[in-house]
PDB file of N, CA and C in Angstrom:
ATOM      1  N   MET A   1      14.286   6.560   7.460  1.00  0.00           N
ATOM      2  CA  MET A   1      14.158   5.939   8.759  1.00  0.00           C
ATOM      3  C   MET A   1      13.189   4.793   8.744  1.00  0.00           C
ATOM      4  N   GLU A   2      12.096   4.959   8.099  1.00  0.00           N
ATOM      5  CA  GLU A   2      11.072   3.907   8.042  1.00  0.00           C
ATOM      6  C   GLU A   2      11.622   2.637   7.397  1.00  0.00           C
ATOM      7  N   LEU A   3      12.383   2.761   6.319  1.00  0.00           N
ATOM      8  CA  LEU A   3      12.905   1.613   5.668  1.00  0.00           C
ATOM      9  C   LEU A   3      13.933   0.885   6.623  1.00  0.00           C
ATOM     10  N   LEU A   4      14.752   1.636   7.238  1.00  0.00           N
ATOM     11  CA  LEU A   4      15.659   1.048   8.147  1.00  0.00           C
ATOM     12  C   LEU A   4      15.009   0.348   9.319  1.00  0.00           C
ATOM     13  N   ARG A   5      13.920   0.938   9.849  1.00  0.00           N
ATOM     14  CA  ARG A   5      13.209   0.339  10.916  1.00  0.00           C
ATOM     15  C   ARG A   5      12.541  -1.051  10.502  1.00  0.00           C
ATOM     16  N   LEU A   6      11.968  -1.020   9.288  1.00  0.00           N
ATOM     17  CA  LEU A   6      11.347  -2.244   8.754  1.00  0.00           C
ATOM     18  C   LEU A   6      12.389  -3.299   8.530  1.00  0.00           C
ATOM     19  N   HIS A   7      13.544  -2.859   8.131  1.00  0.00           N
ATOM     20  CA  HIS A   7      14.638  -3.775   7.879  1.00  0.00           C
ATOM     21  C   HIS A   7      15.171  -4.481   9.128  1.00  0.00           C
ATOM     22  N   ALA A   8      15.184  -3.625  10.174  1.00  0.00           N
ATOM     23  CA  ALA A   8      15.726  -4.077  11.532  1.00  0.00           C
ATOM     24  C   ALA A   8      14.613  -4.917  12.257  1.00  0.00           C
ATOM     25  N   ARG A   9      13.363  -4.559  12.204  1.00  0.00           N
ATOM     26  CA  ARG A   9      12.398  -5.184  13.022  1.00  0.00           C
ATOM     27  C   ARG A   9      11.399  -6.125  12.254  1.00  0.00           C
ATOM     28  N   GLY A  10      11.449  -6.072  10.888  1.00  0.00           N
ATOM     29  CA  GLY A  10      10.510  -6.871  10.140  1.00  0.00           C
ATOM     30  C   GLY A  10       9.227  -6.182   9.944  1.00  0.00           C
ATOM     31  N   PRO A  11       8.256  -6.982   9.386  1.00  0.00           N
ATOM     32  CA  PRO A  11       6.953  -6.375   9.010  1.00  0.00           C
ATOM     33  C   PRO A  11       6.232  -5.700  10.190  1.00  0.00           C
ATOM     34  N   MET A  12       5.635  -4.596   9.901  1.00  0.00           N
ATOM     35  CA  MET A  12       4.962  -3.806  10.956  1.00  0.00           C
ATOM     36  C   MET A  12       3.681  -3.262  10.348  1.00  0.00           C
ATOM     37  N   THR A  13       2.702  -2.943  11.202  1.00  0.00           N
ATOM     38  CA  THR A  13       1.527  -2.242  10.771  1.00  0.00           C
ATOM     39  C   THR A  13       1.926  -0.696  10.675  1.00  0.00           C
ATOM     40  N   ILE A  14       1.069   0.080   9.993  1.00  0.00           N
ATOM     41  CA  ILE A  14       1.383   1.521   9.973  1.00  0.00           C
ATOM     42  C   ILE A  14       1.400   2.123  11.339  1.00  0.00           C
ATOM     43  N   THR A  15       0.503   1.680  12.222  1.00  0.00           N
ATOM     44  CA  THR A  15       0.480   2.190  13.647  1.00  0.00           C
ATOM     45  C   THR A  15       1.808   1.868  14.354  1.00  0.00           C
ATOM     46  N   GLU A  16       2.273   0.656  14.179  1.00  0.00           N
ATOM     47  CA  GLU A  16       3.531   0.208  14.839  1.00  0.00           C
ATOM     48  C   GLU A  16       4.675   0.998  14.291  1.00  0.00           C
ATOM     49  N   LEU A  17       4.709   1.187  12.941  1.00  0.00           N
ATOM     50  CA  LEU A  17       5.798   1.915  12.309  1.00  0.00           C
ATOM     51  C   LEU A  17       5.799   3.378  12.717  1.00  0.00           C
ATOM     52  N   ALA A  18       4.637   3.986  12.724  1.00  0.00           N
ATOM     53  CA  ALA A  18       4.500   5.400  13.053  1.00  0.00           C
ATOM     54  C   ALA A  18       5.066   5.552  14.473  1.00  0.00           C
ATOM     55  N   SER A  19       4.645   4.716  15.379  1.00  0.00           N
ATOM     56  CA  SER A  19       5.098   4.783  16.770  1.00  0.00           C
ATOM     57  C   SER A  19       6.628   4.636  16.904  1.00  0.00           C
ATOM     58  N   SER A  20       7.100   3.718  16.122  1.00  0.00           N
ATOM     59  CA  SER A  20       8.555   3.446  16.260  1.00  0.00           C
ATOM     60  C   SER A  20       9.453   4.549  15.721  1.00  0.00           C
ATOM     61  N   VAL A  21       8.916   5.409  14.803  1.00  0.00           N
ATOM     62  CA  VAL A  21       9.687   6.488  14.238  1.00  0.00           C
ATOM     63  C   VAL A  21       9.201   7.881  14.727  1.00  0.00           C
ATOM     64  N   GLN A  22       8.230   7.772  15.672  1.00  0.00           N
ATOM     65  CA  GLN A  22       7.750   8.981  16.336  1.00  0.00           C
ATOM     66  C   GLN A  22       7.058   9.962  15.306  1.00  0.00           C
ATOM     67  N   ARG A  23       6.245   9.380  14.460  1.00  0.00           N
ATOM     68  CA  ARG A  23       5.540  10.164  13.476  1.00  0.00           C
ATOM     69  C   ARG A  23       4.013   9.919  13.650  1.00  0.00           C
ATOM     70  N   THR A  24       3.192  10.776  13.033  1.00  0.00           N
ATOM     71  CA  THR A  24       1.747  10.528  13.111  1.00  0.00           C
ATOM     72  C   THR A  24       1.380   9.346  12.154  1.00  0.00           C
ATOM     73  N   HIS A  25       0.254   8.795  12.485  1.00  0.00           N
ATOM     74  CA  HIS A  25      -0.278   7.731  11.645  1.00  0.00           C
ATOM     75  C   HIS A  25      -0.443   8.228  10.207  1.00  0.00           C
ATOM     76  N   SER A  26      -1.020   9.448  10.081  1.00  0.00           N
ATOM     77  CA  SER A  26      -1.287  10.012   8.766  1.00  0.00           C
ATOM     78  C   SER A  26       0.014  10.230   7.960  1.00  0.00           C
ATOM     79  N   ALA A  27       1.005  10.813   8.599  1.00  0.00           N
ATOM     80  CA  ALA A  27       2.299  11.075   7.927  1.00  0.00           C
ATOM     81  C   ALA A  27       2.941   9.742   7.515  1.00  0.00           C
ATOM     82  N   THR A  28       2.886   8.774   8.346  1.00  0.00           N
ATOM     83  CA  THR A  28       3.435   7.474   8.049  1.00  0.00           C
ATOM     84  C   THR A  28       2.692   6.831   6.907  1.00  0.00           C
ATOM     85  N   SER A  29       1.356   6.918   6.911  1.00  0.00           N
ATOM     86  CA  SER A  29       0.527   6.286   5.868  1.00  0.00           C
ATOM     87  C   SER A  29       0.922   6.915   4.487  1.00  0.00           C
ATOM     88  N   GLN A  30       1.097   8.261   4.519  1.00  0.00           N
ATOM     89  CA  GLN A  30       1.487   8.929   3.205  1.00  0.00           C
ATOM     90  C   GLN A  30       2.836   8.412   2.771  1.00  0.00           C
ATOM     91  N   LYS A  31       3.805   8.309   3.785  1.00  0.00           N
ATOM     92  CA  LYS A  31       5.135   7.852   3.428  1.00  0.00           C
ATOM     93  C   LYS A  31       5.077   6.493   2.906  1.00  0.00           C
ATOM     94  N   VAL A  32       4.311   5.598   3.539  1.00  0.00           N
ATOM     95  CA  VAL A  32       4.215   4.120   3.079  1.00  0.00           C
ATOM     96  C   VAL A  32       3.642   4.190   1.612  1.00  0.00           C
ATOM     97  N   ALA A  33       2.667   5.003   1.302  1.00  0.00           N
ATOM     98  CA  ALA A  33       2.045   5.059  -0.047  1.00  0.00           C
ATOM     99  C   ALA A  33       3.176   5.400  -1.009  1.00  0.00           C
ATOM    100  N   ALA A  34       4.003   6.427  -0.675  1.00  0.00           N
ATOM    101  CA  ALA A  34       5.040   6.884  -1.579  1.00  0.00           C
ATOM    102  C   ALA A  34       6.108   5.737  -1.736  1.00  0.00           C
ATOM    103  N   MET A  35       6.422   5.042  -0.670  1.00  0.00           N
ATOM    104  CA  MET A  35       7.388   3.959  -0.701  1.00  0.00           C
ATOM    105  C   MET A  35       6.805   2.788  -1.536  1.00  0.00           C
ATOM    106  N   ARG A  36       5.554   2.594  -1.471  1.00  0.00           N
ATOM    107  CA  ARG A  36       4.918   1.490  -2.208  1.00  0.00           C
ATOM    108  C   ARG A  36       4.936   1.864  -3.695  1.00  0.00           C
ATOM    109  N   ALA A  37       4.640   3.121  -4.033  1.00  0.00           N
ATOM    110  CA  ALA A  37       4.762   3.532  -5.391  1.00  0.00           C
ATOM    111  C   ALA A  37       6.071   3.482  -5.978  1.00  0.00           C
ATOM    112  N   ALA A  38       7.153   3.558  -5.113  1.00  0.00           N
ATOM    113  CA  ALA A  38       8.513   3.462  -5.512  1.00  0.00           C
ATOM    114  C   ALA A  38       9.016   2.048  -5.577  1.00  0.00           C
ATOM    115  N   GLY A  39       8.148   1.118  -5.191  1.00  0.00           N
ATOM    116  CA  GLY A  39       8.518  -0.287  -5.211  1.00  0.00           C
ATOM    117  C   GLY A  39       9.370  -0.722  -4.033  1.00  0.00           C
ATOM    118  N   LEU A  40       9.345  -0.004  -2.951  1.00  0.00           N
ATOM    119  CA  LEU A  40      10.229  -0.308  -1.739  1.00  0.00           C
ATOM    120  C   LEU A  40       9.520  -1.090  -0.684  1.00  0.00           C
ATOM    121  N   VAL A  41       8.144  -0.994  -0.645  1.00  0.00           N
ATOM    122  CA  VAL A  41       7.403  -1.795   0.299  1.00  0.00           C
ATOM    123  C   VAL A  41       6.163  -2.399  -0.334  1.00  0.00           C
ATOM    124  N   ARG A  42       5.561  -3.377   0.332  1.00  0.00           N
ATOM    125  CA  ARG A  42       4.283  -3.897  -0.107  1.00  0.00           C
ATOM    126  C   ARG A  42       3.513  -4.161   1.210  1.00  0.00           C
ATOM    127  N   THR A  43       2.198  -4.214   1.033  1.00  0.00           N
ATOM    128  CA  THR A  43       1.331  -4.487   2.264  1.00  0.00           C
ATOM    129  C   THR A  43       0.727  -5.878   2.068  1.00  0.00           C
ATOM    130  N   THR A  44       0.594  -6.509   3.205  1.00  0.00           N
ATOM    131  CA  THR A  44      -0.007  -7.796   3.263  1.00  0.00           C
ATOM    132  C   THR A  44      -1.075  -7.790   4.344  1.00  0.00           C
ATOM    133  N   THR A  45      -1.929  -8.755   4.351  1.00  0.00           N
ATOM    134  CA  THR A  45      -2.987  -8.844   5.395  1.00  0.00           C
ATOM    135  C   THR A  45      -2.314  -9.227   6.670  1.00  0.00           C
ATOM    136  N   GLY A  46      -2.691  -8.514   7.745  1.00  0.00           N
ATOM    137  CA  GLY A  46      -2.138  -8.792   9.068  1.00  0.00           C
ATOM    138  C   GLY A  46      -2.880  -9.917   9.783  1.00  0.00           C
ATOM    139  N   ALA A  47      -2.790  -9.958  11.091  1.00  0.00           N
ATOM    140  CA  ALA A  47      -3.360 -10.955  11.888  1.00  0.00           C
ATOM    141  C   ALA A  47      -4.873 -11.142  11.640  1.00  0.00           C
ATOM    142  N   ASP A  48      -5.596  -9.995  11.384  1.00  0.00           N
ATOM    143  CA  ASP A  48      -6.932 -10.088  11.015  1.00  0.00           C
ATOM    144  C   ASP A  48      -7.198  -9.228   9.727  1.00  0.00           C
ATOM    145  N   ALA A  49      -8.333  -9.327   9.211  1.00  0.00           N
ATOM    146  CA  ALA A  49      -8.641  -8.584   7.928  1.00  0.00           C
ATOM    147  C   ALA A  49      -8.600  -7.146   8.016  1.00  0.00           C
ATOM    148  N   ARG A  50      -8.620  -6.544   9.254  1.00  0.00           N
ATOM    149  CA  ARG A  50      -8.570  -5.130   9.376  1.00  0.00           C
ATOM    150  C   ARG A  50      -7.138  -4.558   9.391  1.00  0.00           C
ATOM    151  N   THR A  51      -6.142  -5.382   9.667  1.00  0.00           N
ATOM    152  CA  THR A  51      -4.804  -4.720   9.689  1.00  0.00           C
ATOM    153  C   THR A  51      -4.014  -5.160   8.479  1.00  0.00           C
ATOM    154  N   ARG A  52      -3.020  -4.321   8.220  1.00  0.00           N
ATOM    155  CA  ARG A  52      -2.110  -4.547   7.079  1.00  0.00           C
ATOM    156  C   ARG A  52      -0.730  -4.473   7.582  1.00  0.00           C
ATOM    157  N   LYS A  53       0.130  -5.310   7.188  1.00  0.00           N
ATOM    158  CA  LYS A  53       1.585  -5.308   7.534  1.00  0.00           C
ATOM    159  C   LYS A  53       2.283  -4.759   6.423  1.00  0.00           C
ATOM    160  N   ILE A  54       3.231  -3.935   6.629  1.00  0.00           N
ATOM    161  CA  ILE A  54       4.150  -3.373   5.648  1.00  0.00           C
ATOM    162  C   ILE A  54       5.401  -4.148   5.693  1.00  0.00           C
ATOM    163  N   THR A  55       5.793  -4.596   4.522  1.00  0.00           N
ATOM    164  CA  THR A  55       7.068  -5.384   4.374  1.00  0.00           C
ATOM    165  C   THR A  55       7.935  -4.788   3.332  1.00  0.00           C
ATOM    166  N   LEU A  56       9.185  -5.005   3.409  1.00  0.00           N
ATOM    167  CA  LEU A  56      10.151  -4.540   2.436  1.00  0.00           C
ATOM    168  C   LEU A  56      10.105  -5.415   1.203  1.00  0.00           C
ATOM    169  N   THR A  57      10.306  -4.870   0.086  1.00  0.00           N
ATOM    170  CA  THR A  57      10.460  -5.550  -1.153  1.00  0.00           C
ATOM    171  C   THR A  57      11.934  -5.990  -1.284  1.00  0.00           C
ATOM    172  N   ALA A  58      12.196  -6.792  -2.305  1.00  0.00           N
ATOM    173  CA  ALA A  58      13.575  -7.210  -2.597  1.00  0.00           C
ATOM    174  C   ALA A  58      14.410  -5.987  -2.930  1.00  0.00           C
ATOM    175  N   LYS A  59      13.821  -5.073  -3.611  1.00  0.00           N
ATOM    176  CA  LYS A  59      14.526  -3.816  -3.991  1.00  0.00           C
ATOM    177  C   LYS A  59      14.993  -3.060  -2.762  1.00  0.00           C
ATOM    178  N   ALA A  60      14.099  -2.953  -1.764  1.00  0.00           N
ATOM    179  CA  ALA A  60      14.413  -2.220  -0.517  1.00  0.00           C
ATOM    180  C   ALA A  60      15.491  -2.918   0.252  1.00  0.00           C
ATOM    181  N   ARG A  61      15.415  -4.314   0.313  1.00  0.00           N
ATOM    182  CA  ARG A  61      16.402  -5.055   1.030  1.00  0.00           C
ATOM    183  C   ARG A  61      17.730  -4.905   0.390  1.00  0.00           C
ATOM    184  N   ARG A  62      17.818  -4.794  -0.934  1.00  0.00           N
ATOM    185  CA  ARG A  62      19.140  -4.616  -1.617  1.00  0.00           C
ATOM    186  C   ARG A  62      19.756  -3.281  -1.226  1.00  0.00           C
ATOM    187  N   ILE A  63      18.986  -2.239  -0.947  1.00  0.00           N
ATOM    188  CA  ILE A  63      19.623  -0.938  -0.701  1.00  0.00           C
ATOM    189  C   ILE A  63      19.645  -0.613   0.791  1.00  0.00           C
ATOM    190  N   ALA A  64      19.104  -1.468   1.670  1.00  0.00           N
ATOM    191  CA  ALA A  64      19.134  -1.223   3.131  1.00  0.00           C
ATOM    192  C   ALA A  64      20.503  -0.948   3.717  1.00  0.00           C
ATOM    193  N   GLY A  65      21.473  -1.654   3.296  1.00  0.00           N
ATOM    194  CA  GLY A  65      22.839  -1.500   3.778  1.00  0.00           C
ATOM    195  C   GLY A  65      23.330  -0.073   3.462  1.00  0.00           C
ATOM    196  N   LYS A  66      23.116   0.338   2.191  1.00  0.00           N
ATOM    197  CA  LYS A  66      23.565   1.706   1.761  1.00  0.00           C
ATOM    198  C   LYS A  66      22.720   2.732   2.586  1.00  0.00           C
ATOM    199  N   LEU A  67      21.484   2.540   2.823  1.00  0.00           N
ATOM    200  CA  LEU A  67      20.691   3.497   3.589  1.00  0.00           C
ATOM    201  C   LEU A  67      21.223   3.640   5.029  1.00  0.00           C
ATOM    202  N   ALA A  68      21.569   2.435   5.612  1.00  0.00           N
ATOM    203  CA  ALA A  68      22.074   2.399   6.964  1.00  0.00           C
ATOM    204  C   ALA A  68      23.438   3.146   7.041  1.00  0.00           C
ATOM    205  N   ALA A  69      24.258   2.937   6.087  1.00  0.00           N
ATOM    206  CA  ALA A  69      25.591   3.631   5.999  1.00  0.00           C
ATOM    207  C   ALA A  69      25.321   5.147   5.817  1.00  0.00           C
ATOM    208  N   GLU A  70      24.421   5.563   4.984  1.00  0.00           N
ATOM    209  CA  GLU A  70      24.109   6.997   4.892  1.00  0.00           C
ATOM    210  C   GLU A  70      23.590   7.528   6.218  1.00  0.00           C
ATOM    211  N   TRP A  71      22.741   6.824   6.858  1.00  0.00           N
ATOM    212  CA  TRP A  71      22.226   7.292   8.144  1.00  0.00           C
ATOM    213  C   TRP A  71      23.364   7.445   9.190  1.00  0.00           C
ATOM    214  N   ARG A  72      24.266   6.495   9.234  1.00  0.00           N
ATOM    215  CA  ARG A  72      25.412   6.630  10.180  1.00  0.00           C
ATOM    216  C   ARG A  72      26.298   7.803   9.857  1.00  0.00           C
ATOM    217  N   ALA A  73      26.570   8.014   8.532  1.00  0.00           N
ATOM    218  CA  ALA A  73      27.379   9.032   8.092  1.00  0.00           C
ATOM    219  C   ALA A  73      26.738  10.453   8.382  1.00  0.00           C
ATOM    220  N   THR A  74      25.399  10.509   8.220  1.00  0.00           N
ATOM    221  CA  THR A  74      24.692  11.766   8.537  1.00  0.00           C
ATOM    222  C   THR A  74      24.777  12.019  10.007  1.00  0.00           C
ATOM    223  N   GLU A  75      24.565  11.047  10.836  1.00  0.00           N
ATOM    224  CA  GLU A  75      24.638  11.291  12.269  1.00  0.00           C
ATOM    225  C   GLU A  75      26.069  11.691  12.716  1.00  0.00           C
ATOM    226  N   ALA A  76      27.068  11.019  12.104  1.00  0.00           N
ATOM    227  CA  ALA A  76      28.421  11.432  12.435  1.00  0.00           C
ATOM    228  C   ALA A  76      28.810  12.822  11.997  1.00  0.00           C
ATOM    229  N   ALA A  77      28.286  13.245  10.816  1.00  0.00           N
ATOM    230  CA  ALA A  77      28.511  14.591  10.326  1.00  0.00           C
ATOM    231  C   ALA A  77      27.854  15.590  11.250  1.00  0.00           C
ATOM    232  N   LEU A  78      26.586  15.273  11.710  1.00  0.00           N
ATOM    233  CA  LEU A  78      25.978  16.153  12.662  1.00  0.00           C
ATOM    234  C   LEU A  78      26.687  16.286  13.906  1.00  0.00           C
ATOM    235  N   ALA A  79      27.219  15.132  14.419  1.00  0.00           N
ATOM    236  CA  ALA A  79      28.078  15.226  15.656  1.00  0.00           C
ATOM    237  C   ALA A  79      29.266  16.035  15.442  1.00  0.00           C
ATOM    238  N   ASP A  80      29.925  15.969  14.223  1.00  0.00           N
ATOM    239  CA  ASP A  80      30.997  16.872  13.954  1.00  0.00           C
ATOM    240  C   ASP A  80      30.605  18.337  14.017  1.00  0.00           C
ATOM    241  N   ILE A  81      29.485  18.681  13.456  1.00  0.00           N
ATOM    242  CA  ILE A  81      29.083  20.054  13.498  1.00  0.00           C
ATOM    243  C   ILE A  81      28.783  20.471  14.915  1.00  0.00           C
ATOM    244  N   GLU A  82      28.164  19.679  15.688  1.00  0.00           N
ATOM    245  CA  GLU A  82      27.789  19.976  17.091  1.00  0.00           C
ATOM    246  C   GLU A  82      29.077  20.162  17.907  1.00  0.00           C
ATOM    247  N   ASN A  83      30.154  19.472  17.600  1.00  0.00           N
ATOM    248  CA  ASN A  83      31.370  19.686  18.241  1.00  0.00           C
ATOM    249  C   ASN A  83      32.178  20.949  17.901  1.00  0.00           C
ATOM    250  N   GLN A  84      31.623  21.625  16.839  1.00  0.00           N
ATOM    251  CA  GLN A  84      32.259  22.846  16.331  1.00  0.00           C
ATOM    252  C   GLN A  84      31.510  24.052  16.740  1.00  0.00           C
ATOM    253  N   ILE A  85      30.257  23.904  17.269  1.00  0.00           N
ATOM    254  CA  ILE A  85      29.449  25.115  17.623  1.00  0.00           C
ATOM    255  C   ILE A  85      29.159  24.974  19.144  1.00  0.00           C
ATOM    256  N   PRO A  86      28.851  26.097  19.774  1.00  0.00           N
ATOM    257  CA  PRO A  86      28.665  26.114  21.252  1.00  0.00           C
ATOM    258  C   PRO A  86      27.282  25.666  21.740  1.00  0.00           C
ATOM    259  N   TYR A  87      26.459  25.058  20.869  1.00  0.00           N
ATOM    260  CA  TYR A  87      25.148  24.567  21.310  1.00  0.00           C
ATOM    261  C   TYR A  87      24.738  23.401  20.409  1.00  0.00           C
ATOM    262  N   PRO A  88      23.857  22.520  20.801  1.00  0.00           N
ATOM    263  CA  PRO A  88      23.465  21.441  20.043  1.00  0.00           C
ATOM    264  C   PRO A  88      22.501  21.858  18.887  1.00  0.00           C
ATOM    265  N   VAL A  89      22.543  21.235  17.795  1.00  0.00           N
ATOM    266  CA  VAL A  89      21.643  21.524  16.688  1.00  0.00           C
ATOM    267  C   VAL A  89      20.219  21.348  17.096  1.00  0.00           C
ATOM    268  N   SER A  90      19.918  20.416  17.963  1.00  0.00           N
ATOM    269  CA  SER A  90      18.552  20.167  18.410  1.00  0.00           C
ATOM    270  C   SER A  90      18.037  21.400  19.149  1.00  0.00           C
ATOM    271  N   ARG A  91      18.867  22.151  19.792  1.00  0.00           N
ATOM    272  CA  ARG A  91      18.526  23.378  20.383  1.00  0.00           C
ATOM    273  C   ARG A  91      18.074  24.423  19.385  1.00  0.00           C
ATOM    274  N   VAL A  92      18.697  24.462  18.336  1.00  0.00           N
ATOM    275  CA  VAL A  92      18.281  25.364  17.145  1.00  0.00           C
ATOM    276  C   VAL A  92      16.797  25.029  16.804  1.00  0.00           C
ATOM    277  N   VAL A  93      16.576  23.690  16.623  1.00  0.00           N
ATOM    278  CA  VAL A  93      15.219  23.371  16.189  1.00  0.00           C
ATOM    279  C   VAL A  93      14.202  23.728  17.233  1.00  0.00           C
ATOM    280  N   THR A  94      14.478  23.533  18.512  1.00  0.00           N
ATOM    281  CA  THR A  94      13.582  23.909  19.628  1.00  0.00           C
ATOM    282  C   THR A  94      13.370  25.395  19.609  1.00  0.00           C
ATOM    283  N   ASP A  95      14.460  26.205  19.431  1.00  0.00           N
ATOM    284  CA  ASP A  95      14.330  27.675  19.429  1.00  0.00           C
ATOM    285  C   ASP A  95      13.490  28.137  18.222  1.00  0.00           C
ATOM    286  N   ILE A  96      13.663  27.501  17.028  1.00  0.00           N
ATOM    287  CA  ILE A  96      12.905  27.840  15.920  1.00  0.00           C
ATOM    288  C   ILE A  96      11.424  27.593  16.129  1.00  0.00           C
ATOM    289  N   GLU A  97      11.103  26.367  16.669  1.00  0.00           N
ATOM    290  CA  GLU A  97       9.745  25.950  16.970  1.00  0.00           C
ATOM    291  C   GLU A  97       9.111  26.991  17.924  1.00  0.00           C
ATOM    292  N   ALA A  98       9.863  27.447  18.908  1.00  0.00           N
ATOM    293  CA  ALA A  98       9.305  28.441  19.912  1.00  0.00           C
ATOM    294  C   ALA A  98       9.043  29.803  19.164  1.00  0.00           C
ATOM    295  N   ALA A  99       9.903  30.235  18.267  1.00  0.00           N
ATOM    296  CA  ALA A  99       9.749  31.445  17.542  1.00  0.00           C
ATOM    297  C   ALA A  99       8.557  31.299  16.697  1.00  0.00           C
ATOM    298  N   LEU A 100       8.335  30.169  16.005  1.00  0.00           N
ATOM    299  CA  LEU A 100       7.188  30.004  15.117  1.00  0.00           C
ATOM    300  C   LEU A 100       5.833  29.972  15.856  1.00  0.00           C
ATOM    301  N   ARG A 101       5.965  29.441  17.140  1.00  0.00           N
ATOM    302  CA  ARG A 101       4.745  29.486  17.988  1.00  0.00           C
ATOM    303  C   ARG A 101       4.302  30.914  18.274  1.00  0.00           C
ATOM    304  N   ARG A 102       5.314  31.786  18.387  1.00  0.00           N
ATOM    305  CA  ARG A 102       5.038  33.220  18.705  1.00  0.00           C
ATOM    306  C   ARG A 102       4.507  33.873  17.440  1.00  0.00           C
ATOM    307  N   GLU A 103       4.999  33.578  16.302  1.00  0.00           N
ATOM    308  CA  GLU A 103       4.452  34.142  15.036  1.00  0.00           C
ATOM    309  C   GLU A 103       4.830  33.142  13.929  1.00  0.00           C
ATOM    310  N   SER A 104       3.805  32.796  13.161  1.00  0.00           N
ATOM    311  CA  SER A 104       4.052  31.759  12.144  1.00  0.00           C
ATOM    312  C   SER A 104       4.921  32.246  11.012  1.00  0.00           C
ATOM    313  N   PHE A 105       5.506  31.314  10.318  1.00  0.00           N
ATOM    314  CA  PHE A 105       6.344  31.722   9.143  1.00  0.00           C
ATOM    315  C   PHE A 105       5.553  32.442   8.135  1.00  0.00           C
ATOM    316  N   HIS A 106       4.304  31.965   7.927  1.00  0.00           N
ATOM    317  CA  HIS A 106       3.394  32.639   6.977  1.00  0.00           C
ATOM    318  C   HIS A 106       3.162  34.049   7.271  1.00  0.00           C
ATOM    319  N   ASP A 107       2.846  34.220   8.563  1.00  0.00           N
ATOM    320  CA  ASP A 107       2.556  35.642   9.039  1.00  0.00           C
ATOM    321  C   ASP A 107       3.753  36.498   8.884  1.00  0.00           C
ATOM    322  N   ARG A 108       4.965  36.029   9.095  1.00  0.00           N
ATOM    323  CA  ARG A 108       6.190  36.704   8.973  1.00  0.00           C
ATOM    324  C   ARG A 108       6.350  37.157   7.486  1.00  0.00           C
ATOM    325  N   ILE A 109       6.180  36.212   6.594  1.00  0.00           N
ATOM    326  CA  ILE A 109       6.288  36.548   5.150  1.00  0.00           C
ATOM    327  C   ILE A 109       5.244  37.529   4.752  1.00  0.00           C
ATOM    328  N   ALA A 110       3.987  37.327   5.177  1.00  0.00           N
ATOM    329  CA  ALA A 110       2.930  38.294   4.831  1.00  0.00           C
ATOM    330  C   ALA A 110       3.279  39.740   5.305  1.00  0.00           C
ATOM    331  N   GLU A 111       3.833  39.830   6.481  1.00  0.00           N
ATOM    332  CA  GLU A 111       4.183  41.110   7.053  1.00  0.00           C
ATOM    333  C   GLU A 111       5.273  41.758   6.161  1.00  0.00           C
ATOM    334  N   LYS A 112       6.214  40.985   5.769  1.00  0.00           N
ATOM    335  CA  LYS A 112       7.339  41.469   4.950  1.00  0.00           C
ATOM    336  C   LYS A 112       6.835  41.940   3.597  1.00  0.00           C
ATOM    337  N   LEU A 113       5.990  41.110   3.043  1.00  0.00           N
ATOM    338  CA  LEU A 113       5.368  41.411   1.700  1.00  0.00           C
ATOM    339  C   LEU A 113       4.508  42.738   1.804  1.00  0.00           C
ATOM    340  N   ALA A 114       3.763  42.869   2.814  1.00  0.00           N
ATOM    341  CA  ALA A 114       2.908  44.009   3.016  1.00  0.00           C
ATOM    342  C   ALA A 114       3.747  45.297   3.058  1.00  0.00           C
ATOM    343  N   ALA A 115       4.984  45.206   3.566  1.00  0.00           N
ATOM    344  CA  ALA A 115       5.846  46.426   3.602  1.00  0.00           C
ATOM    345  C   ALA A 115       6.712  46.645   2.354  1.00  0.00           C
ATOM    346  N   ASP A 116       6.638  45.689   1.433  1.00  0.00           N
ATOM    347  CA  ASP A 116       7.474  45.786   0.201  1.00  0.00           C
ATOM    348  C   ASP A 116       6.618  46.476  -0.880  1.00  0.00           C
ATOM    349  N   PRO A 117       7.181  47.647  -1.415  1.00  0.00           N
ATOM    350  CA  PRO A 117       6.419  48.373  -2.450  1.00  0.00           C
ATOM    351  C   PRO A 117       6.259  47.565  -3.707  1.00  0.00           C
ATOM    352  N   ASP A 118       7.150  46.670  -4.008  1.00  0.00           N
ATOM    353  CA  ASP A 118       7.048  45.875  -5.210  1.00  0.00           C
ATOM    354  C   ASP A 118       5.933  44.828  -5.128  1.00  0.00           C
ATOM    355  N   TRP A 119       5.527  44.521  -3.945  1.00  0.00           N
ATOM    356  CA  TRP A 119       4.489  43.499  -3.764  1.00  0.00           C
ATOM    357  C   TRP A 119       3.105  44.138  -3.943  1.00  0.00           C
ATOM    358  N   LYS A 120       2.917  45.374  -3.804  1.00  0.00           N
ATOM    359  CA  LYS A 120       1.649  46.009  -3.933  1.00  0.00           C
ATOM    360  C   LYS A 120       1.200  46.178  -5.291  1.00  0.00           C
TER     361      LYS A 120
END
């Protein structure tokens, strides 16, 4: 999503990019570091020395069309699934988040392991 956003809107700061994809600054910073290591983005000095703009590399611009096509296909496939089930997939996510607030996944696994004689 971040590469597609940069392709559509042009260079952005990490703060701008994080906001546009509804992620935390920290998560976006980690993603940008991984994309930089993969040769997909570079950073340049922004309007002042304290800000950095993230820009796509030629490599990223070459694959942007394929990424956009994959994104559209993914969204269309998800819409197909949602048309075949009686509730939206987003509801499943919301329901899982609520269940995990009641008891974490870690705690659930620990409980199962504590009851398993092979774990002891």
